Amino acid sequence: MKKKILLPALALFGMLTGGLSSCGPKDPSSPEGPSEETYGNGKVQLTVWAPAEQFQIYSSLVTEYNKTADPEKTVKLKVVGIGEGDIGEKFGNDPTKGPDVFQIPGNDISSFVTKGFISQLDVAGREDISITSETLKTGMVQSALYALPYTINTYFLYYNTSQLEETQVESLSTIIAAAKEANKQAFGFKISDGFYFQAVLRAMGLDIYGEGGTSNSSSDFTSTNEAAVWATRFSHELLTNETLYNTEYATFINELRDGKILSVVDGTWNFGNYKDALGENFGCAILPKIDITLDGHTYDNQLGAPIDNKFVVVNSSLKGEKLDVAKDFAYYTVSDAAQKIKFELKSIIPTADKLLNDEDFKKTFLMAGAVSDYNKSTANFSNPTATKFNANFWGAIEGFCASIKTVSPSGGQYDFTKAIDELNAALLK
């Protein structure tokens, strides 16, 4: 995965620096050798695997959980420092030897369900959990819930509120109009990075690895597909029209702060940096519609953003009372109250919709409204799971963008046939 992270954000949002777990590096929060701590004095012994920096969180969570639990179902909790990115490697093939409750990235859910490693869950009727139905879907397999989403790791539109109003960031056309009037650049977008390029693919409804992203032999990114041609033309525009667009990711924060550019696409991991740089001019929203006209053709599709939630799951080998307690504790860890604790202690972005819409919480977490909108959006997407996605996609997109950047019009028309066909071949090779 080719996503870049500006280094100051590592200190501000350490819990998110593992990047998109489906394509990123191993979780850097994982210790060299698993360290562990025990918290609580309850009756039922549970073991949790979680990133090492979340030990303090679990100490607080088990303390609060035990205050209201049935005395016979209180918990004594052993926490082992293993991050989400290392779960697949360390879990093994025998769930009876694994933890009772653990955290996993989204790309592990399907395989863990198929192997029978995690239990089916049900949060229906739990008023203490306000995760939206759209967000809960990210933890489902064939309409059954197996994983509880507790935080997100994706990208948003950051903007300077001294230059743009909230209503102007809903579409790229209105951002461009404001930029032209102010003689500024409109939009910062690292289009040549496959991590961000997917936003354009999804806006155009393109399935580069077949419907559901599972095929190693199917792609609709072809030179005969109008949507693929338009996605290419839009990408070319971002790469070549430097008057309006900026693709130099490393400059985004400073140029947004200085008013040289009006809006940029960047990740949750850089929220703290944008907040500090923009101060009272900080603005954040879901990605805009790309309702612009190129070569006489207009689309009106919203840019998508990747669903890369992180999840809490329960071991399938548990039985009887221990299973009941493990599930109850897992449910508690994603409750509104628990998510507030996680944010206060480690700035973990919540999925709890009531919390995100609480007026006092919005004053503390300035992108709460945007995160709530994201959780309700239908434009967001999951990464393909075809094995050729991770193997081929990232390098192929870099080469594709370098190729189309050199294309000039002939007779007022652009011919991207060769570049599109080469990308399609590279995706499926």
Protein backbone atom coordinates (compact mmCIF):
# COMPACT_ATOMS: atom_id res chain seq x y z
CA MET A 1 0.00 0.00 0.00
CA LYS A 2 1.34 3.40 -1.00
CA LYS A 3 -0.35 5.68 1.49
CA LYS A 4 1.97 8.26 3.05
CA ILE A 5 1.62 9.63 6.56
CA LEU A 6 3.00 12.97 7.70
CA LEU A 7 5.23 12.16 10.64
CA PRO A 8 3.85 14.61 13.25
CA ALA A 9 0.52 12.79 13.10
CA LEU A 10 2.10 9.67 14.55
CA ALA A 11 2.33 11.23 17.96
CA LEU A 12 -1.11 12.82 17.80
CA PHE A 13 -3.02 9.78 16.58
CA GLY A 14 -0.88 6.76 17.34
CA MET A 15 -3.78 4.40 17.24
CA LEU A 16 -4.30 5.03 13.55
CA THR A 17 -0.75 4.81 12.22
CA GLY A 18 -1.11 1.22 11.08
CA GLY A 19 -2.81 2.62 7.95
CA LEU A 20 -5.40 0.69 6.06
CA SER A 21 -5.08 -2.72 7.61
CA SER A 22 -6.16 -4.50 4.46
CA CYS A 23 -3.15 -3.21 2.57
CA GLY A 24 -0.86 -1.58 5.09
CA PRO A 25 2.18 -2.61 7.09
CA LYS A 26 2.06 -4.62 10.26
CA ASP A 27 0.65 -2.74 13.20
CA PRO A 28 3.61 -0.76 14.62
CA SER A 29 1.96 -0.71 18.04
CA SER A 30 2.61 -4.41 18.52
CA PRO A 31 5.46 -5.09 20.95
CA GLU A 32 8.36 -7.34 19.98
CA GLY A 33 7.23 -9.94 22.50
CA PRO A 34 3.64 -9.82 23.78
CA SER A 35 3.50 -7.94 27.05
CA GLU A 36 0.49 -8.38 29.31
CA GLU A 37 -1.31 -6.87 32.27
CA THR A 38 -4.25 -8.01 34.40
CA TYR A 39 -7.04 -5.68 35.49
CA GLY A 40 -10.21 -6.07 37.53
CA ASN A 41 -11.09 -8.46 40.34
CA GLY A 42 -14.13 -10.17 38.84
CA LYS A 43 -15.28 -13.78 38.90
CA VAL A 44 -14.86 -14.65 35.21
CA GLN A 45 -11.37 -14.73 33.69
CA LEU A 46 -11.16 -13.29 30.16
CA THR A 47 -8.16 -12.75 27.91
CA VAL A 48 -8.10 -9.89 25.41
CA TRP A 49 -5.64 -9.22 22.59
CA ALA A 50 -5.31 -5.52 21.82
CA PRO A 51 -2.62 -3.02 20.79
CA ALA A 52 -0.19 -2.33 23.63
CA GLU A 53 -1.07 1.37 23.82
CA GLN A 54 -4.67 0.42 24.71
CA PHE A 55 -3.82 -1.22 28.04
CA GLN A 56 -4.93 1.90 29.93
CA ILE A 57 -8.20 1.83 28.02
CA TYR A 58 -8.96 -1.77 29.00
CA SER A 59 -8.08 -1.04 32.63
CA SER A 60 -10.75 1.67 32.63
CA LEU A 61 -13.25 -0.39 30.64
CA VAL A 62 -13.19 -3.42 32.93
CA THR A 63 -13.44 -1.17 36.00
CA GLU A 64 -16.55 0.53 34.62
CA TYR A 65 -18.04 -2.72 33.31
CA ASN A 66 -17.72 -4.44 36.70
CA LYS A 67 -19.54 -1.61 38.46
CA THR A 68 -22.88 -2.58 36.90
CA ALA A 69 -22.37 -6.26 35.99
CA ASP A 70 -24.02 -9.13 37.83
CA PRO A 71 -21.52 -10.04 40.60
CA GLU A 72 -21.25 -13.55 39.18
CA LYS A 73 -20.43 -12.14 35.74
CA THR A 74 -17.81 -9.59 36.69
CA VAL A 75 -14.52 -9.87 34.84
CA LYS A 76 -10.87 -10.36 35.68
CA LEU A 77 -9.18 -9.27 32.49
CA LYS A 78 -5.78 -10.29 31.12
CA VAL A 79 -4.74 -7.99 28.27
CA VAL A 80 -2.03 -9.17 25.89
CA GLY A 81 -0.34 -6.58 23.69
CA ILE A 82 -0.96 -7.81 20.15
CA GLY A 83 -2.13 -5.30 17.54
CA GLU A 84 -4.81 -5.86 14.93
CA GLY A 85 -2.29 -6.17 12.13
CA ASP A 86 -0.61 -9.18 13.77
CA ILE A 87 -3.76 -11.16 14.59
CA GLY A 88 -3.81 -13.24 11.42
CA GLU A 89 -0.21 -14.36 11.96
CA LYS A 90 -0.43 -15.07 15.68
CA PHE A 91 -3.91 -16.58 16.08
CA GLY A 92 -3.04 -19.98 14.64
CA ASN A 93 -5.55 -22.65 13.66
CA ASP A 94 -6.91 -23.69 17.05
CA PRO A 95 -9.32 -21.13 18.53
CA THR A 96 -9.23 -22.87 21.92
CA LYS A 97 -5.66 -21.58 22.27
CA GLY A 98 -6.59 -18.04 21.28
CA PRO A 99 -7.90 -15.06 23.28
CA ASP A 100 -11.51 -14.80 24.39
CA VAL A 101 -12.06 -11.31 23.00
CA PHE A 102 -9.79 -9.65 20.46
CA GLN A 103 -9.46 -6.84 17.95
CA ILE A 104 -9.07 -7.48 14.22
CA PRO A 105 -8.89 -5.48 10.97
CA GLY A 106 -11.74 -5.72 8.52
CA ASN A 107 -9.85 -7.86 6.04
CA ASP A 108 -9.63 -10.72 8.58
CA ILE A 109 -13.36 -10.99 9.23
CA SER A 110 -14.36 -13.14 6.27
CA SER A 111 -11.55 -15.67 6.72
CA PHE A 112 -12.13 -15.91 10.48
CA VAL A 113 -15.83 -16.59 9.87
CA THR A 114 -15.06 -19.17 7.18
CA LYS A 115 -12.63 -20.95 9.52
CA GLY A 116 -15.17 -20.85 12.35
CA PHE A 117 -12.92 -18.81 14.67
CA ILE A 118 -15.37 -16.10 15.80
CA SER A 119 -18.88 -16.10 17.24
CA GLN A 120 -21.98 -14.57 15.75
CA LEU A 121 -23.13 -11.47 17.65
CA ASP A 122 -26.37 -9.56 18.12
CA VAL A 123 -26.70 -5.98 19.36
CA ALA A 124 -30.43 -5.65 18.61
CA GLY A 125 -32.24 -3.85 21.39
CA ARG A 126 -29.09 -2.59 23.13
CA GLU A 127 -29.83 1.08 23.74
CA ASP A 128 -26.28 1.64 24.98
CA ILE A 129 -24.90 0.94 21.48
CA SER A 130 -25.65 3.58 18.83
CA ILE A 131 -23.53 2.31 15.93
CA THR A 132 -25.47 2.94 12.71
CA SER A 133 -26.80 0.09 10.61
CA GLU A 134 -24.54 1.14 7.72
CA THR A 135 -21.49 0.87 9.97
CA LEU A 136 -22.59 -2.44 11.49
CA LYS A 137 -22.76 -3.89 7.98
CA THR A 138 -18.97 -3.67 7.81
CA GLY A 139 -18.79 -6.38 10.48
CA MET A 140 -21.27 -8.70 8.77
CA VAL A 141 -20.82 -11.79 6.63
CA GLN A 142 -23.89 -12.93 4.68
CA SER A 143 -26.10 -10.59 6.74
CA ALA A 144 -24.94 -12.02 10.08
CA LEU A 145 -22.98 -9.85 12.52
CA TYR A 146 -19.61 -11.20 13.65
CA ALA A 147 -17.50 -8.12 14.36
CA LEU A 148 -18.22 -4.90 16.24
CA PRO A 149 -16.74 -1.77 14.57
CA TYR A 150 -15.14 0.45 17.20
CA THR A 151 -13.19 3.00 15.13
CA ILE A 152 -12.55 4.12 11.56
CA ASN A 153 -9.45 4.77 9.48
CA THR A 154 -10.28 6.57 6.22
CA TYR A 155 -10.10 9.96 4.54
CA PHE A 156 -12.13 13.15 4.57
CA LEU A 157 -12.19 16.59 2.98
CA TYR A 158 -10.39 19.13 5.14
CA TYR A 159 -11.03 22.77 4.26
CA ASN A 160 -10.34 26.32 5.39
CA THR A 161 -13.55 27.88 6.69
CA SER A 162 -12.21 31.38 6.03
CA GLN A 163 -12.29 30.46 2.33
CA LEU A 164 -15.26 28.07 2.07
CA GLU A 165 -18.66 27.70 3.72
CA GLU A 166 -20.10 24.33 4.74
CA THR A 167 -22.59 24.34 1.87
CA GLN A 168 -19.82 24.94 -0.68
CA VAL A 169 -17.90 21.73 0.07
CA GLU A 170 -20.72 19.41 -0.96
CA SER A 171 -19.58 19.46 -4.59
CA LEU A 172 -16.36 20.03 -6.49
CA SER A 173 -18.02 22.54 -8.81
CA THR A 174 -18.79 24.96 -5.98
CA ILE A 175 -15.29 24.55 -4.52
CA ILE A 176 -13.84 25.33 -7.96
CA ALA A 177 -16.08 28.38 -8.35
CA ALA A 178 -14.87 29.77 -5.03
CA ALA A 179 -11.25 29.04 -5.94
CA LYS A 180 -11.52 30.79 -9.30
CA GLU A 181 -13.02 33.85 -7.65
CA ALA A 182 -10.21 33.95 -5.07
CA ASN A 183 -7.49 33.00 -7.61
CA LYS A 184 -6.55 29.95 -5.51
CA GLN A 185 -6.16 26.24 -6.07
CA ALA A 186 -9.42 24.42 -5.37
CA PHE A 187 -8.59 20.85 -4.43
CA GLY A 188 -5.66 18.81 -3.16
CA PHE A 189 -5.84 15.13 -4.07
CA LYS A 190 -3.05 12.55 -4.35
CA ILE A 191 -4.59 10.90 -7.40
CA SER A 192 -1.47 8.89 -8.32
CA ASP A 193 -1.64 6.97 -5.05
CA GLY A 194 -3.90 3.94 -5.41
CA PHE A 195 -5.19 4.51 -1.88
CA TYR A 196 -6.88 7.72 -3.05
CA PHE A 197 -7.42 6.70 -6.69
CA GLN A 198 -10.02 4.21 -5.47
CA ALA A 199 -12.27 7.15 -4.53
CA VAL A 200 -12.60 7.95 -8.24
CA LEU A 201 -13.15 4.32 -9.21
CA ARG A 202 -15.96 4.01 -6.68
CA ALA A 203 -17.52 7.31 -7.71
CA MET A 204 -17.83 5.90 -11.21
CA GLY A 205 -19.16 2.55 -9.98
CA LEU A 206 -16.17 0.64 -11.34
CA ASP A 207 -15.42 -2.90 -10.16
CA ILE A 208 -11.75 -3.46 -10.96
CA TYR A 209 -11.80 -6.99 -9.54
CA GLY A 210 -15.34 -7.96 -10.37
CA GLU A 211 -18.51 -7.35 -8.41
CA GLY A 212 -17.60 -7.64 -4.74
CA GLY A 213 -13.90 -7.33 -5.53
CA THR A 214 -13.24 -11.06 -5.34
CA SER A 215 -12.25 -11.94 -8.92
CA ASN A 216 -8.65 -12.27 -10.09
CA SER A 217 -9.75 -12.46 -13.72
CA SER A 218 -12.40 -9.75 -14.10
CA SER A 219 -12.19 -5.96 -14.39
CA ASP A 220 -14.50 -3.35 -15.92
CA PHE A 221 -11.72 -0.76 -16.22
CA THR A 222 -11.55 -1.06 -20.00
CA SER A 223 -11.17 1.41 -22.85
CA THR A 224 -14.67 0.50 -24.09
CA ASN A 225 -16.29 1.38 -20.76
CA GLU A 226 -17.45 5.02 -20.74
CA ALA A 227 -17.16 5.23 -16.95
CA ALA A 228 -13.53 4.10 -17.06
CA VAL A 229 -12.73 6.61 -19.80
CA TRP A 230 -14.31 9.44 -17.83
CA ALA A 231 -12.51 8.40 -14.63
CA THR A 232 -9.28 8.55 -16.61
CA ARG A 233 -10.11 11.98 -18.03
CA PHE A 234 -10.90 13.29 -14.55
CA SER A 235 -7.64 11.88 -13.22
CA HIS A 236 -5.77 13.51 -16.11
CA GLU A 237 -7.39 16.84 -15.24
CA LEU A 238 -6.23 16.62 -11.63
CA LEU A 239 -2.71 15.70 -12.73
CA THR A 240 -2.31 18.44 -15.35
CA ASN A 241 -4.48 21.43 -14.38
CA GLU A 242 -2.21 22.92 -11.73
CA THR A 243 -4.19 26.14 -11.67
CA LEU A 244 -7.05 24.37 -9.92
CA TYR A 245 -5.60 21.14 -8.50
CA ASN A 246 -2.68 20.13 -6.31
CA THR A 247 -1.33 16.57 -6.12
CA GLU A 248 1.70 17.23 -3.85
CA TYR A 249 0.50 15.54 -0.67
CA ALA A 250 3.38 16.75 1.53
CA THR A 251 2.37 20.40 0.98
CA PHE A 252 -1.33 20.07 1.76
CA ILE A 253 -1.39 21.11 5.42
CA ASN A 254 0.76 24.22 5.03
CA GLU A 255 -0.91 25.40 1.83
CA LEU A 256 -4.38 24.90 3.28
CA ARG A 257 -3.33 26.86 6.37
CA ASP A 258 -1.83 29.65 4.26
CA GLY A 259 -4.93 29.93 2.06
CA LYS A 260 -3.17 28.86 -1.14
CA ILE A 261 -5.50 25.90 -1.56
CA LEU A 262 -9.12 25.73 -0.37
CA SER A 263 -9.66 22.01 0.31
CA VAL A 264 -7.70 18.75 0.47
CA VAL A 265 -8.37 15.03 0.85
CA ASP A 266 -6.44 13.43 3.71
CA GLY A 267 -6.83 10.79 6.39
CA THR A 268 -8.13 10.57 9.92
CA TRP A 269 -4.52 10.07 11.09
CA ASN A 270 -3.76 13.73 10.17
CA PHE A 271 -6.80 15.24 11.88
CA GLY A 272 -4.71 16.63 14.73
CA ASN A 273 -2.29 18.31 12.36
CA TYR A 274 -5.05 20.03 10.38
CA LYS A 275 -6.79 21.11 13.57
CA ASP A 276 -3.59 22.66 14.90
CA ALA A 277 -2.67 24.28 11.59
CA LEU A 278 -6.10 25.77 10.81
CA GLY A 279 -7.21 26.67 14.33
CA GLU A 280 -10.57 28.45 14.25
CA ASN A 281 -10.64 28.01 10.45
CA PHE A 282 -10.73 24.19 10.67
CA GLY A 283 -13.39 22.51 8.57
CA CYS A 284 -14.05 18.85 7.76
CA ALA A 285 -16.62 17.07 5.60
CA ILE A 286 -17.20 13.86 3.69
CA LEU A 287 -15.83 13.85 0.15
CA PRO A 288 -17.65 16.01 -2.41
CA LYS A 289 -19.49 15.15 -5.60
CA ILE A 290 -17.40 15.42 -8.77
CA ASP A 291 -20.04 17.36 -10.69
CA ILE A 292 -17.74 19.03 -13.22
CA THR A 293 -17.91 19.09 -17.01
CA LEU A 294 -14.98 17.82 -19.08
CA ASP A 295 -15.06 17.64 -22.89
CA GLY A 296 -18.79 18.31 -22.83
CA HIS A 297 -19.62 15.46 -20.46
CA THR A 298 -20.75 15.80 -16.84
CA TYR A 299 -21.10 13.20 -14.14
CA ASP A 300 -22.70 13.88 -10.76
CA ASN A 301 -21.21 11.14 -8.60
CA GLN A 302 -19.92 11.40 -5.05
CA LEU A 303 -16.34 10.41 -4.36
CA GLY A 304 -16.18 7.34 -2.15
CA ALA A 305 -13.99 6.77 0.89
CA PRO A 306 -12.69 3.38 2.08
CA ILE A 307 -14.41 1.60 4.92
CA ASP A 308 -11.49 0.48 7.03
CA ASN A 309 -13.00 0.04 10.45
CA LYS A 310 -11.32 -1.88 13.25
CA PHE A 311 -13.35 -4.43 15.14
CA VAL A 312 -13.90 -6.33 18.39
CA VAL A 313 -14.77 -10.04 18.08
CA VAL A 314 -15.45 -13.01 20.38
CA ASN A 315 -13.77 -16.42 20.18
CA SER A 316 -16.07 -19.17 18.85
CA SER A 317 -14.64 -21.86 21.14
CA LEU A 318 -16.21 -20.33 24.25
CA LYS A 319 -19.23 -22.02 25.81
CA GLY A 320 -21.88 -21.38 28.44
CA GLU A 321 -21.45 -18.58 30.94
CA LYS A 322 -17.98 -17.65 29.73
CA LEU A 323 -19.34 -17.07 26.22
CA ASP A 324 -22.18 -14.94 27.63
CA VAL A 325 -19.78 -12.83 29.69
CA ALA A 326 -17.33 -12.47 26.81
CA LYS A 327 -20.11 -11.22 24.54
CA ASP A 328 -21.45 -8.85 27.19
CA PHE A 329 -17.99 -7.41 27.74
CA ALA A 330 -17.41 -7.10 23.99
CA TYR A 331 -20.72 -5.27 23.62
CA TYR A 332 -19.75 -2.94 26.42
CA THR A 333 -16.44 -2.06 24.72
CA VAL A 334 -18.35 -0.55 21.77
CA SER A 335 -21.06 1.13 23.85
CA ASP A 336 -21.40 4.90 23.81
CA ALA A 337 -19.92 5.14 27.30
CA ALA A 338 -16.91 2.97 26.43
CA GLN A 339 -16.26 4.80 23.18
CA LYS A 340 -16.21 8.08 25.07
CA ILE A 341 -13.58 6.62 27.42
CA LYS A 342 -11.50 5.48 24.43
CA PHE A 343 -11.60 8.94 22.90
CA GLU A 344 -10.77 10.72 26.14
CA LEU A 345 -7.82 8.43 26.88
CA LYS A 346 -6.34 7.82 23.42
CA SER A 347 -8.28 9.99 20.92
CA ILE A 348 -9.76 6.89 19.26
CA ILE A 349 -12.36 8.08 16.76
CA PRO A 350 -15.75 6.66 17.80
CA THR A 351 -18.37 4.86 15.73
CA ALA A 352 -21.09 5.65 18.31
CA ASP A 353 -23.54 7.91 16.49
CA LYS A 354 -25.18 9.41 19.59
CA LEU A 355 -21.76 10.37 20.89
CA LEU A 356 -20.74 11.89 17.55
CA ASN A 357 -23.92 13.99 17.55
CA ASP A 358 -23.67 15.11 21.17
CA GLU A 359 -23.23 18.90 21.16
CA ASP A 360 -20.66 18.89 23.97
CA PHE A 361 -18.66 16.12 22.29
CA LYS A 362 -18.67 18.06 19.00
CA LYS A 363 -16.90 20.90 20.79
CA THR A 364 -14.19 18.47 21.86
CA PHE A 365 -13.92 16.53 18.59
CA LEU A 366 -14.25 18.97 15.70
CA MET A 367 -14.71 16.35 12.99
CA ALA A 368 -17.52 14.55 14.83
CA GLY A 369 -20.18 15.77 12.41
CA ALA A 370 -18.20 14.64 9.38
CA VAL A 371 -17.59 11.20 10.92
CA SER A 372 -21.31 10.85 11.64
CA ASP A 373 -22.09 11.74 8.01
CA TYR A 374 -19.49 9.21 6.85
CA ASN A 375 -21.07 6.47 8.96
CA LYS A 376 -24.41 7.09 7.22
CA SER A 377 -23.02 7.43 3.71
CA THR A 378 -23.70 4.83 1.03
CA ALA A 379 -20.80 6.05 -1.15
CA ASN A 380 -18.15 4.38 1.00
CA PHE A 381 -16.53 1.12 -0.01
CA SER A 382 -14.54 -1.87 1.15
CA ASN A 383 -11.25 -2.79 -0.50
CA PRO A 384 -11.26 -5.70 -2.97
CA THR A 385 -10.22 -9.03 -1.47
CA ALA A 386 -8.90 -10.57 -4.71
CA THR A 387 -5.28 -11.60 -4.15
CA LYS A 388 -4.17 -9.64 -7.22
CA PHE A 389 -5.41 -6.42 -5.61
CA ASN A 390 -2.57 -6.15 -3.11
CA ALA A 391 -0.10 -7.77 -5.51
CA ASN A 392 -0.78 -5.60 -8.56
CA PHE A 393 -2.94 -2.57 -7.85
CA TRP A 394 -0.64 -0.11 -6.08
CA GLY A 395 2.25 -0.12 -8.54
CA ALA A 396 -0.11 -0.30 -11.51
CA ILE A 397 -1.85 2.93 -10.50
CA GLU A 398 1.44 4.80 -10.15
CA GLY A 399 2.43 3.74 -13.66
CA PHE A 400 -1.02 4.53 -15.04
CA CYS A 401 -1.04 8.09 -13.69
CA ALA A 402 2.49 8.71 -14.96
CA SER A 403 1.34 7.51 -18.40
CA ILE A 404 -1.86 9.54 -18.71
CA LYS A 405 -0.16 12.70 -17.47
CA THR A 406 1.78 12.82 -20.74
CA VAL A 407 -1.29 12.47 -22.99
CA SER A 408 -2.09 15.60 -25.04
CA PRO A 409 -5.29 16.25 -26.98
CA SER A 410 -5.46 15.66 -30.70
CA GLY A 411 -8.14 17.60 -32.50
CA GLY A 412 -9.54 18.58 -29.11
CA GLN A 413 -9.93 14.96 -28.01
CA TYR A 414 -7.92 12.82 -25.62
CA ASP A 415 -7.13 9.22 -26.45
CA PHE A 416 -6.44 7.18 -23.32
CA THR A 417 -7.02 3.79 -24.95
CA LYS A 418 -3.44 2.57 -24.66
CA ALA A 419 -3.07 3.67 -21.00
CA ILE A 420 -6.40 2.13 -19.96
CA ASP A 421 -5.72 -1.17 -21.68
CA GLU A 422 -2.24 -1.33 -20.14
CA LEU A 423 -3.68 -0.69 -16.67
CA ASN A 424 -6.31 -3.39 -17.13
CA ALA A 425 -3.62 -5.86 -18.14
CA ALA A 426 -1.44 -4.86 -15.17
CA LEU A 427 -4.33 -5.32 -12.72
CA LEU A 428 -4.99 -8.88 -13.90
CA LYS A 429 -1.51 -10.11 -14.83
